[in-house]
Every structure is written in C-alpha cells, then in structure tokens.
Amino acid sequence: MDGTTLSIDVTKVNRAALNNCLKNGICEVVYMDNNGIEQTKSCTLKKFHMEDDKINDWVDHEYEKGIIVAWDMSGNEWRGGAWTQIPVNRITSFTQLTGIAK
C-alpha cells in the first residue's frame, strides 16, 4: 500500500457512491451507533477480503434505504470479520484506504 487514501465528504455523496468505494477496496467508516457511541470499522464489499462461506450471508440483513451493509474486517481472531449494518445518516467520516483509482 502506498499510503494514498481518499476522504469522502459524506454530506455530498449518496449511498450508492459509498457502496462503490466499498466494492473497490477497504474503507474506514466512523459513525455514531444507536447508543451515541462512536464506532470505527474497517469495511469492504470486495469479495477477496471476505470468508468464502460468508460472502452471500448479507442477504440475511434487512434491507433499508438508509443502511449500508458491509463486511466488517474488524472481527475477532476466530471469526475474522462479520456483516454489519451502518446507518448512512450517522456516518461522520468515510475514508477509502485501498482500491483507489490512480
């Protein structure tokens, strides 16, 4: 990794643009959870980073317009990751870490 990152202004993009970043690589997403606690997650939608037997498990998550469903790479050692739901309107920072077009 060459250290290049791309900060996304979440006030100027839509959910589709955020999903596109997640499909291209790993993104750091900072948001406030339902309890008002700031959460930081390293997330992706790039299949290369997901466990093979979990790739299609996202369909178990309820689809809502204001939610991003992404693979959270911050899981503990035995899991290695898990699907998570992030409310778009609670995202305070979104940075693409990998997969940035040059």
PDB file of N, CA and C in Angstrom:
ATOM      1  N   MET A   1       0.854  -1.174   0.000  1.00  0.00           N
ATOM      2  CA  MET A   1       0.000   0.000   0.000  1.00  0.00           C
ATOM      3  C   MET A   1       0.892   1.226   0.000  1.00  0.00           C
ATOM      4  N   ASP A   2       0.582   2.190  -0.825  1.00  0.00           N
ATOM      5  CA  ASP A   2       1.452   3.348  -0.970  1.00  0.00           C
ATOM      6  C   ASP A   2       1.091   4.502  -0.046  1.00  0.00           C
ATOM      7  N   GLY A   3       0.106   4.349   0.823  1.00  0.00           N
ATOM      8  CA  GLY A   3      -0.270   5.397   1.759  1.00  0.00           C
ATOM      9  C   GLY A   3      -1.297   6.369   1.229  1.00  0.00           C
ATOM     10  N   THR A   4      -1.716   6.220  -0.018  1.00  0.00           N
ATOM     11  CA  THR A   4      -2.721   7.103  -0.599  1.00  0.00           C
ATOM     12  C   THR A   4      -4.094   6.719  -0.051  1.00  0.00           C
ATOM     13  N   THR A   5      -4.816   7.704   0.440  1.00  0.00           N
ATOM     14  CA  THR A   5      -6.186   7.490   0.899  1.00  0.00           C
ATOM     15  C   THR A   5      -7.080   8.542   0.252  1.00  0.00           C
ATOM     16  N   LEU A   6      -8.373   8.303   0.322  1.00  0.00           N
ATOM     17  CA  LEU A   6      -9.337   9.231  -0.260  1.00  0.00           C
ATOM     18  C   LEU A   6     -10.447   9.480   0.754  1.00  0.00           C
ATOM     19  N   SER A   7     -10.507  10.690   1.291  1.00  0.00           N
ATOM     20  CA  SER A   7     -11.573  11.051   2.223  1.00  0.00           C
ATOM     21  C   SER A   7     -12.799  11.459   1.425  1.00  0.00           C
ATOM     22  N   ILE A   8     -13.931  10.899   1.804  1.00  0.00           N
ATOM     23  CA  ILE A   8     -15.194  11.161   1.114  1.00  0.00           C
ATOM     24  C   ILE A   8     -16.030  12.103   1.977  1.00  0.00           C
ATOM     25  N   ASP A   9     -16.523  13.179   1.390  1.00  0.00           N
ATOM     26  CA  ASP A   9     -17.418  14.095   2.099  1.00  0.00           C
ATOM     27  C   ASP A   9     -18.811  13.472   2.082  1.00  0.00           C
ATOM     28  N   VAL A  10     -19.211  12.880   3.199  1.00  0.00           N
ATOM     29  CA  VAL A  10     -20.473  12.144   3.243  1.00  0.00           C
ATOM     30  C   VAL A  10     -21.699  13.044   3.091  1.00  0.00           C
ATOM     31  N   THR A  11     -21.512  14.352   3.216  1.00  0.00           N
ATOM     32  CA  THR A  11     -22.643  15.265   3.023  1.00  0.00           C
ATOM     33  C   THR A  11     -22.905  15.533   1.543  1.00  0.00           C
ATOM     34  N   LYS A  12     -21.949  15.125   0.678  1.00  0.00           N
ATOM     35  CA  LYS A  12     -22.072  15.432  -0.751  1.00  0.00           C
ATOM     36  C   LYS A  12     -22.202  14.193  -1.633  1.00  0.00           C
ATOM     37  N   VAL A  13     -22.298  13.012  -1.046  1.00  0.00           N
ATOM     38  CA  VAL A  13     -22.441  11.791  -1.841  1.00  0.00           C
ATOM     39  C   VAL A  13     -23.638  10.996  -1.353  1.00  0.00           C
ATOM     40  N   ASN A  14     -24.086  10.069  -2.193  1.00  0.00           N
ATOM     41  CA  ASN A  14     -25.220   9.230  -1.804  1.00  0.00           C
ATOM     42  C   ASN A  14     -24.738   7.831  -1.411  1.00  0.00           C
ATOM     43  N   ARG A  15     -25.665   7.030  -0.980  1.00  0.00           N
ATOM     44  CA  ARG A  15     -25.380   5.667  -0.541  1.00  0.00           C
ATOM     45  C   ARG A  15     -24.694   4.850  -1.628  1.00  0.00           C
ATOM     46  N   ALA A  16     -25.107   5.028  -2.876  1.00  0.00           N
ATOM     47  CA  ALA A  16     -24.523   4.283  -3.992  1.00  0.00           C
ATOM     48  C   ALA A  16     -23.034   4.600  -4.143  1.00  0.00           C
ATOM     49  N   ALA A  17     -22.652   5.848  -3.971  1.00  0.00           N
ATOM     50  CA  ALA A  17     -21.242   6.233  -4.079  1.00  0.00           C
ATOM     51  C   ALA A  17     -20.413   5.591  -2.967  1.00  0.00           C
ATOM     52  N   LEU A  18     -20.979   5.534  -1.764  1.00  0.00           N
ATOM     53  CA  LEU A  18     -20.278   4.883  -0.648  1.00  0.00           C
ATOM     54  C   LEU A  18     -20.126   3.390  -0.917  1.00  0.00           C
ATOM     55  N   ASN A  19     -21.186   2.768  -1.422  1.00  0.00           N
ATOM     56  CA  ASN A  19     -21.113   1.341  -1.769  1.00  0.00           C
ATOM     57  C   ASN A  19     -20.066   1.087  -2.843  1.00  0.00           C
ATOM     58  N   ASN A  20     -19.951   1.994  -3.798  1.00  0.00           N
ATOM     59  CA  ASN A  20     -18.958   1.853  -4.854  1.00  0.00           C
ATOM     60  C   ASN A  20     -17.536   1.857  -4.271  1.00  0.00           C
ATOM     61  N   CYS A  21     -17.280   2.751  -3.338  1.00  0.00           N
ATOM     62  CA  CYS A  21     -15.971   2.777  -2.663  1.00  0.00           C
ATOM     63  C   CYS A  21     -15.712   1.454  -1.945  1.00  0.00           C
ATOM     64  N   LEU A  22     -16.728   0.945  -1.275  1.00  0.00           N
ATOM     65  CA  LEU A  22     -16.586  -0.322  -0.553  1.00  0.00           C
ATOM     66  C   LEU A  22     -16.333  -1.493  -1.510  1.00  0.00           C
ATOM     67  N   LYS A  23     -16.925  -1.448  -2.702  1.00  0.00           N
ATOM     68  CA  LYS A  23     -16.715  -2.508  -3.693  1.00  0.00           C
ATOM     69  C   LYS A  23     -15.306  -2.487  -4.259  1.00  0.00           C
ATOM     70  N   ASN A  24     -14.656  -1.310  -4.240  1.00  0.00           N
ATOM     71  CA  ASN A  24     -13.313  -1.174  -4.792  1.00  0.00           C
ATOM     72  C   ASN A  24     -12.201  -1.536  -3.808  1.00  0.00           C
ATOM     73  N   GLY A  25     -12.489  -1.512  -2.516  1.00  0.00           N
ATOM     74  CA  GLY A  25     -11.432  -1.811  -1.543  1.00  0.00           C
ATOM     75  C   GLY A  25     -11.897  -1.667  -0.112  1.00  0.00           C
ATOM     76  N   ILE A  26     -10.939  -1.416   0.760  1.00  0.00           N
ATOM     77  CA  ILE A  26     -11.201  -1.294   2.194  1.00  0.00           C
ATOM     78  C   ILE A  26     -11.410   0.174   2.539  1.00  0.00           C
ATOM     79  N   CYS A  27     -12.438   0.441   3.342  1.00  0.00           N
ATOM     80  CA  CYS A  27     -12.749   1.802   3.770  1.00  0.00           C
ATOM     81  C   CYS A  27     -12.836   1.846   5.289  1.00  0.00           C
ATOM     82  N   GLU A  28     -12.378   2.951   5.859  1.00  0.00           N
ATOM     83  CA  GLU A  28     -12.560   3.183   7.285  1.00  0.00           C
ATOM     84  C   GLU A  28     -13.810   4.030   7.451  1.00  0.00           C
ATOM     85  N   VAL A  29     -14.775   3.502   8.198  1.00  0.00           N
ATOM     86  CA  VAL A  29     -16.046   4.182   8.395  1.00  0.00           C
ATOM     87  C   VAL A  29     -16.192   4.515   9.877  1.00  0.00           C
ATOM     88  N   VAL A  30     -16.401   5.786  10.167  1.00  0.00           N
ATOM     89  CA  VAL A  30     -16.632   6.230  11.539  1.00  0.00           C
ATOM     90  C   VAL A  30     -18.075   6.710  11.609  1.00  0.00           C
ATOM     91  N   TYR A  31     -18.809   6.199  12.594  1.00  0.00           N
ATOM     92  CA  TYR A  31     -20.218   6.581  12.722  1.00  0.00           C
ATOM     93  C   TYR A  31     -20.652   6.486  14.174  1.00  0.00           C
ATOM     94  N   MET A  32     -21.786   7.079  14.478  1.00  0.00           N
ATOM     95  CA  MET A  32     -22.365   7.016  15.811  1.00  0.00           C
ATOM     96  C   MET A  32     -23.381   5.876  15.826  1.00  0.00           C
ATOM     97  N   ASP A  33     -23.246   4.956  16.785  1.00  0.00           N
ATOM     98  CA  ASP A  33     -24.201   3.853  16.861  1.00  0.00           C
ATOM     99  C   ASP A  33     -25.486   4.320  17.538  1.00  0.00           C
ATOM    100  N   ASN A  34     -26.427   3.409  17.710  1.00  0.00           N
ATOM    101  CA  ASN A  34     -27.735   3.766  18.271  1.00  0.00           C
ATOM    102  C   ASN A  34     -27.650   4.260  19.710  1.00  0.00           C
ATOM    103  N   ASN A  35     -26.552   3.946  20.409  1.00  0.00           N
ATOM    104  CA  ASN A  35     -26.366   4.391  21.792  1.00  0.00           C
ATOM    105  C   ASN A  35     -25.564   5.689  21.877  1.00  0.00           C
ATOM    106  N   GLY A  36     -25.249   6.295  20.722  1.00  0.00           N
ATOM    107  CA  GLY A  36     -24.487   7.531  20.704  1.00  0.00           C
ATOM    108  C   GLY A  36     -22.989   7.337  20.892  1.00  0.00           C
ATOM    109  N   ILE A  37     -22.521   6.104  20.727  1.00  0.00           N
ATOM    110  CA  ILE A  37     -21.100   5.792  20.878  1.00  0.00           C
ATOM    111  C   ILE A  37     -20.450   5.755  19.501  1.00  0.00           C
ATOM    112  N   GLU A  38     -19.315   6.444  19.373  1.00  0.00           N
ATOM    113  CA  GLU A  38     -18.614   6.468  18.090  1.00  0.00           C
ATOM    114  C   GLU A  38     -17.969   5.107  17.820  1.00  0.00           C
ATOM    115  N   GLN A  39     -18.215   4.596  16.626  1.00  0.00           N
ATOM    116  CA  GLN A  39     -17.665   3.312  16.192  1.00  0.00           C
ATOM    117  C   GLN A  39     -16.771   3.557  14.984  1.00  0.00           C
ATOM    118  N   THR A  40     -15.650   2.837  14.919  1.00  0.00           N
ATOM    119  CA  THR A  40     -14.766   2.883  13.764  1.00  0.00           C
ATOM    120  C   THR A  40     -14.617   1.472  13.230  1.00  0.00           C
ATOM    121  N   LYS A  41     -14.926   1.295  11.961  1.00  0.00           N
ATOM    122  CA  LYS A  41     -14.872  -0.035  11.348  1.00  0.00           C
ATOM    123  C   LYS A  41     -14.087   0.027  10.047  1.00  0.00           C
ATOM    124  N   SER A  42     -13.318  -1.029   9.813  1.00  0.00           N
ATOM    125  CA  SER A  42     -12.667  -1.226   8.517  1.00  0.00           C
ATOM    126  C   SER A  42     -13.583  -2.150   7.734  1.00  0.00           C
ATOM    127  N   CYS A  43     -14.184  -1.638   6.670  1.00  0.00           N
ATOM    128  CA  CYS A  43     -15.216  -2.370   5.943  1.00  0.00           C
ATOM    129  C   CYS A  43     -14.881  -2.491   4.460  1.00  0.00           C
ATOM    130  N   THR A  44     -15.533  -3.453   3.810  1.00  0.00           N
ATOM    131  CA  THR A  44     -15.373  -3.642   2.377  1.00  0.00           C
ATOM    132  C   THR A  44     -16.577  -4.391   1.813  1.00  0.00           C
ATOM    133  N   LEU A  45     -16.706  -4.349   0.513  1.00  0.00           N
ATOM    134  CA  LEU A  45     -17.627  -5.216  -0.217  1.00  0.00           C
ATOM    135  C   LEU A  45     -16.854  -5.992  -1.281  1.00  0.00           C
ATOM    136  N   LYS A  46     -15.527  -5.942  -1.214  1.00  0.00           N
ATOM    137  CA  LYS A  46     -14.672  -6.658  -2.153  1.00  0.00           C
ATOM    138  C   LYS A  46     -14.544  -8.104  -1.669  1.00  0.00           C
ATOM    139  N   LYS A  47     -15.010  -9.036  -2.472  1.00  0.00           N
ATOM    140  CA  LYS A  47     -15.089 -10.443  -2.068  1.00  0.00           C
ATOM    141  C   LYS A  47     -13.750 -11.040  -1.678  1.00  0.00           C
ATOM    142  N   PHE A  48     -12.657 -10.527  -2.231  1.00  0.00           N
ATOM    143  CA  PHE A  48     -11.323 -11.024  -1.922  1.00  0.00           C
ATOM    144  C   PHE A  48     -11.046 -11.028  -0.411  1.00  0.00           C
ATOM    145  N   HIS A  49     -11.613 -10.071   0.316  1.00  0.00           N
ATOM    146  CA  HIS A  49     -11.351  -9.905   1.743  1.00  0.00           C
ATOM    147  C   HIS A  49     -12.331 -10.653   2.640  1.00  0.00           C
ATOM    148  N   MET A  50     -13.322 -11.309   2.062  1.00  0.00           N
ATOM    149  CA  MET A  50     -14.366 -11.981   2.847  1.00  0.00           C
ATOM    150  C   MET A  50     -14.117 -13.478   2.944  1.00  0.00           C
ATOM    151  N   GLU A  51     -14.650 -14.058   3.998  1.00  0.00           N
ATOM    152  CA  GLU A  51     -14.616 -15.507   4.128  1.00  0.00           C
ATOM    153  C   GLU A  51     -15.543 -16.105   3.075  1.00  0.00           C
ATOM    154  N   ASP A  52     -15.062 -17.109   2.353  1.00  0.00           N
ATOM    155  CA  ASP A  52     -15.830 -17.696   1.251  1.00  0.00           C
ATOM    156  C   ASP A  52     -17.225 -18.149   1.667  1.00  0.00           C
ATOM    157  N   ASP A  53     -17.345 -18.763   2.834  1.00  0.00           N
ATOM    158  CA  ASP A  53     -18.642 -19.285   3.259  1.00  0.00           C
ATOM    159  C   ASP A  53     -19.574 -18.206   3.803  1.00  0.00           C
ATOM    160  N   LYS A  54     -19.114 -16.952   3.849  1.00  0.00           N
ATOM    161  CA  LYS A  54     -19.939 -15.850   4.365  1.00  0.00           C
ATOM    162  C   LYS A  54     -20.311 -14.821   3.295  1.00  0.00           C
ATOM    163  N   ILE A  55     -19.809 -14.997   2.072  1.00  0.00           N
ATOM    164  CA  ILE A  55     -19.993 -13.985   1.023  1.00  0.00           C
ATOM    165  C   ILE A  55     -21.460 -13.641   0.780  1.00  0.00           C
ATOM    166  N   ASN A  56     -22.336 -14.612   0.777  1.00  0.00           N
ATOM    167  CA  ASN A  56     -23.748 -14.356   0.480  1.00  0.00           C
ATOM    168  C   ASN A  56     -24.618 -14.186   1.723  1.00  0.00           C
ATOM    169  N   ASP A  57     -24.013 -14.170   2.899  1.00  0.00           N
ATOM    170  CA  ASP A  57     -24.784 -14.034   4.136  1.00  0.00           C
ATOM    171  C   ASP A  57     -25.398 -12.652   4.318  1.00  0.00           C
ATOM    172  N   TRP A  58     -24.954 -11.664   3.534  1.00  0.00           N
ATOM    173  CA  TRP A  58     -25.509 -10.319   3.672  1.00  0.00           C
ATOM    174  C   TRP A  58     -26.999 -10.296   3.394  1.00  0.00           C
ATOM    175  N   VAL A  59     -27.497 -11.243   2.628  1.00  0.00           N
ATOM    176  CA  VAL A  59     -28.920 -11.251   2.300  1.00  0.00           C
ATOM    177  C   VAL A  59     -29.779 -11.490   3.534  1.00  0.00           C
ATOM    178  N   ASP A  60     -29.166 -11.970   4.620  1.00  0.00           N
ATOM    179  CA  ASP A  60     -29.895 -12.169   5.872  1.00  0.00           C
ATOM    180  C   ASP A  60     -30.183 -10.850   6.584  1.00  0.00           C
ATOM    181  N   HIS A  61     -29.516  -9.773   6.153  1.00  0.00           N
ATOM    182  CA  HIS A  61     -29.728  -8.464   6.773  1.00  0.00           C
ATOM    183  C   HIS A  61     -30.912  -7.770   6.120  1.00  0.00           C
ATOM    184  N   GLU A  62     -31.719  -7.145   6.945  1.00  0.00           N
ATOM    185  CA  GLU A  62     -32.881  -6.430   6.437  1.00  0.00           C
ATOM    186  C   GLU A  62     -32.424  -5.233   5.602  1.00  0.00           C
ATOM    187  N   TYR A  63     -32.952  -5.112   4.401  1.00  0.00           N
ATOM    188  CA  TYR A  63     -32.580  -4.006   3.519  1.00  0.00           C
ATOM    189  C   TYR A  63     -33.382  -2.760   3.883  1.00  0.00           C
ATOM    190  N   GLU A  64     -32.673  -1.692   4.058  1.00  0.00           N
ATOM    191  CA  GLU A  64     -33.301  -0.395   4.278  1.00  0.00           C
ATOM    192  C   GLU A  64     -32.553   0.620   3.437  1.00  0.00           C
ATOM    193  N   LYS A  65     -33.249   1.633   2.954  1.00  0.00           N
ATOM    194  CA  LYS A  65     -32.624   2.645   2.098  1.00  0.00           C
ATOM    195  C   LYS A  65     -31.455   3.354   2.772  1.00  0.00           C
ATOM    196  N   GLY A  66     -31.564   3.676   4.032  1.00  0.00           N
ATOM    197  CA  GLY A  66     -30.554   4.473   4.719  1.00  0.00           C
ATOM    198  C   GLY A  66     -29.463   3.664   5.386  1.00  0.00           C
ATOM    199  N   ILE A  67     -29.325   2.386   5.006  1.00  0.00           N
ATOM    200  CA  ILE A  67     -28.354   1.495   5.650  1.00  0.00           C
ATOM    201  C   ILE A  67     -27.358   0.982   4.619  1.00  0.00           C
ATOM    202  N   ILE A  68     -26.097   0.938   5.014  1.00  0.00           N
ATOM    203  CA  ILE A  68     -25.073   0.254   4.225  1.00  0.00           C
ATOM    204  C   ILE A  68     -24.804  -1.076   4.916  1.00  0.00           C
ATOM    205  N   VAL A  69     -24.871  -2.156   4.173  1.00  0.00           N
ATOM    206  CA  VAL A  69     -24.480  -3.465   4.691  1.00  0.00           C
ATOM    207  C   VAL A  69     -23.100  -3.746   4.125  1.00  0.00           C
ATOM    208  N   ALA A  70     -22.108  -3.947   5.017  1.00  0.00           N
ATOM    209  CA  ALA A  70     -20.729  -4.132   4.568  1.00  0.00           C
ATOM    210  C   ALA A  70     -20.043  -5.196   5.421  1.00  0.00           C
ATOM    211  N   TRP A  71     -18.982  -5.769   4.865  1.00  0.00           N
ATOM    212  CA  TRP A  71     -18.167  -6.750   5.577  1.00  0.00           C
ATOM    213  C   TRP A  71     -17.239  -5.988   6.524  1.00  0.00           C
ATOM    214  N   ASP A  72     -17.426  -6.201   7.820  1.00  0.00           N
ATOM    215  CA  ASP A  72     -16.609  -5.571   8.846  1.00  0.00           C
ATOM    216  C   ASP A  72     -15.383  -6.438   9.082  1.00  0.00           C
ATOM    217  N   MET A  73     -14.227  -5.946   8.695  1.00  0.00           N
ATOM    218  CA  MET A  73     -12.992  -6.706   8.818  1.00  0.00           C
ATOM    219  C   MET A  73     -12.424  -6.653  10.234  1.00  0.00           C
ATOM    220  N   SER A  74     -13.087  -5.955  11.131  1.00  0.00           N
ATOM    221  CA  SER A  74     -12.595  -5.764  12.494  1.00  0.00           C
ATOM    222  C   SER A  74     -13.007  -6.881  13.440  1.00  0.00           C
ATOM    223  N   GLY A  75     -13.487  -7.991  12.916  1.00  0.00           N
ATOM    224  CA  GLY A  75     -13.941  -9.089  13.766  1.00  0.00           C
ATOM    225  C   GLY A  75     -12.826  -9.666  14.608  1.00  0.00           C
ATOM    226  N   ASN A  76     -13.201 -10.468  15.594  1.00  0.00           N
ATOM    227  CA  ASN A  76     -12.171 -11.044  16.458  1.00  0.00           C
ATOM    228  C   ASN A  76     -11.416 -12.162  15.738  1.00  0.00           C
ATOM    229  N   GLU A  77     -10.388 -12.706  16.380  1.00  0.00           N
ATOM    230  CA  GLU A  77      -9.468 -13.641  15.728  1.00  0.00           C
ATOM    231  C   GLU A  77     -10.144 -14.867  15.121  1.00  0.00           C
ATOM    232  N   TRP A  78     -11.077 -15.477  15.802  1.00  0.00           N
ATOM    233  CA  TRP A  78     -11.639 -16.732  15.289  1.00  0.00           C
ATOM    234  C   TRP A  78     -12.639 -16.503  14.171  1.00  0.00           C
ATOM    235  N   ARG A  79     -13.214 -15.312  14.087  1.00  0.00           N
ATOM    236  CA  ARG A  79     -14.166 -15.032  13.009  1.00  0.00           C
ATOM    237  C   ARG A  79     -13.519 -14.322  11.841  1.00  0.00           C
ATOM    238  N   GLY A  80     -12.660 -13.386  12.111  1.00  0.00           N
ATOM    239  CA  GLY A  80     -12.004 -12.652  11.053  1.00  0.00           C
ATOM    240  C   GLY A  80     -12.851 -11.581  10.393  1.00  0.00           C
ATOM    241  N   GLY A  81     -14.105 -11.506  10.698  1.00  0.00           N
ATOM    242  CA  GLY A  81     -14.979 -10.497  10.118  1.00  0.00           C
ATOM    243  C   GLY A  81     -16.432 -10.897  10.246  1.00  0.00           C
ATOM    244  N   ALA A  82     -17.304  -9.966   9.927  1.00  0.00           N
ATOM    245  CA  ALA A  82     -18.739 -10.228  10.000  1.00  0.00           C
ATOM    246  C   ALA A  82     -19.477  -9.136   9.232  1.00  0.00           C
ATOM    247  N   TRP A  83     -20.686  -9.429   8.809  1.00  0.00           N
ATOM    248  CA  TRP A  83     -21.517  -8.429   8.155  1.00  0.00           C
ATOM    249  C   TRP A  83     -22.025  -7.445   9.198  1.00  0.00           C
ATOM    250  N   THR A  84     -22.075  -6.178   8.841  1.00  0.00           N
ATOM    251  CA  THR A  84     -22.562  -5.151   9.741  1.00  0.00           C
ATOM    252  C   THR A  84     -23.453  -4.180   8.984  1.00  0.00           C
ATOM    253  N   GLN A  85     -24.338  -3.537   9.703  1.00  0.00           N
ATOM    254  CA  GLN A  85     -25.210  -2.521   9.121  1.00  0.00           C
ATOM    255  C   GLN A  85     -24.796  -1.164   9.668  1.00  0.00           C
ATOM    256  N   ILE A  86     -24.606  -0.201   8.765  1.00  0.00           N
ATOM    257  CA  ILE A  86     -24.183   1.140   9.169  1.00  0.00           C
ATOM    258  C   ILE A  86     -25.207   2.144   8.651  1.00  0.00           C
ATOM    259  N   PRO A  87     -25.821   2.921   9.553  1.00  0.00           N
ATOM    260  CA  PRO A  87     -26.772   3.945   9.112  1.00  0.00           C
ATOM    261  C   PRO A  87     -26.038   5.097   8.421  1.00  0.00           C
ATOM    262  N   VAL A  88     -26.398   5.364   7.174  1.00  0.00           N
ATOM    263  CA  VAL A  88     -25.707   6.376   6.375  1.00  0.00           C
ATOM    264  C   VAL A  88     -25.771   7.745   7.046  1.00  0.00           C
ATOM    265  N   ASN A  89     -26.900   8.091   7.626  1.00  0.00           N
ATOM    266  CA  ASN A  89     -27.051   9.426   8.214  1.00  0.00           C
ATOM    267  C   ASN A  89     -26.282   9.603   9.521  1.00  0.00           C
ATOM    268  N   ARG A  90     -25.648   8.543  10.010  1.00  0.00           N
ATOM    269  CA  ARG A  90     -24.853   8.641  11.230  1.00  0.00           C
ATOM    270  C   ARG A  90     -23.351   8.562  10.959  1.00  0.00           C
ATOM    271  N   ILE A  91     -22.978   8.469   9.675  1.00  0.00           N
ATOM    272  CA  ILE A  91     -21.557   8.407   9.319  1.00  0.00           C
ATOM    273  C   ILE A  91     -20.955   9.798   9.482  1.00  0.00           C
ATOM    274  N   THR A  92     -19.850   9.875  10.233  1.00  0.00           N
ATOM    275  CA  THR A  92     -19.162  11.149  10.444  1.00  0.00           C
ATOM    276  C   THR A  92     -17.883  11.249   9.622  1.00  0.00           C
ATOM    277  N   SER A  93     -17.325  10.106   9.225  1.00  0.00           N
ATOM    278  CA  SER A  93     -16.099  10.098   8.433  1.00  0.00           C
ATOM    279  C   SER A  93     -16.052   8.820   7.600  1.00  0.00           C
ATOM    280  N   PHE A  94     -15.628   8.953   6.344  1.00  0.00           N
ATOM    281  CA  PHE A  94     -15.572   7.827   5.429  1.00  0.00           C
ATOM    282  C   PHE A  94     -14.310   7.987   4.595  1.00  0.00           C
ATOM    283  N   THR A  95     -13.356   7.082   4.764  1.00  0.00           N
ATOM    284  CA  THR A  95     -12.084   7.187   4.059  1.00  0.00           C
ATOM    285  C   THR A  95     -11.794   5.885   3.321  1.00  0.00           C
ATOM    286  N   GLN A  96     -11.572   5.989   2.022  1.00  0.00           N
ATOM    287  CA  GLN A  96     -11.196   4.811   1.242  1.00  0.00           C
ATOM    288  C   GLN A  96      -9.699   4.600   1.422  1.00  0.00           C
ATOM    289  N   LEU A  97      -9.324   3.415   1.911  1.00  0.00           N
ATOM    290  CA  LEU A  97      -7.922   3.114   2.208  1.00  0.00           C
ATOM    291  C   LEU A  97      -7.223   2.377   1.079  1.00  0.00           C
ATOM    292  N   THR A  98      -7.949   1.491   0.387  1.00  0.00           N
ATOM    293  CA  THR A  98      -7.367   0.728  -0.710  1.00  0.00           C
ATOM    294  C   THR A  98      -8.316   0.747  -1.903  1.00  0.00           C
ATOM    295  N   GLY A  99      -7.792   0.375  -3.081  1.00  0.00           N
ATOM    296  CA  GLY A  99      -8.618   0.317  -4.282  1.00  0.00           C
ATOM    297  C   GLY A  99      -8.904   1.654  -4.911  1.00  0.00           C
ATOM    298  N   ILE A 100      -8.077   2.633  -4.634  1.00  0.00           N
ATOM    299  CA  ILE A 100      -8.271   3.982  -5.165  1.00  0.00           C
ATOM    300  C   ILE A 100      -7.695   4.037  -6.590  1.00  0.00           C
ATOM    301  N   ALA A 101      -8.509   4.509  -7.506  1.00  0.00           N
ATOM    302  CA  ALA A 101      -8.044   4.646  -8.904  1.00  0.00           C
ATOM    303  C   ALA A 101      -6.960   5.697  -8.974  1.00  0.00           C
ATOM    304  N   LYS A 102      -5.927   5.385  -9.766  1.00  0.00           N
ATOM    305  CA  LYS A 102      -4.791   6.335  -9.877  1.00  0.00           C
ATOM    306  C   LYS A 102      -4.961   7.225 -11.076  1.00  0.00           C
TER     307      LYS A 102
END
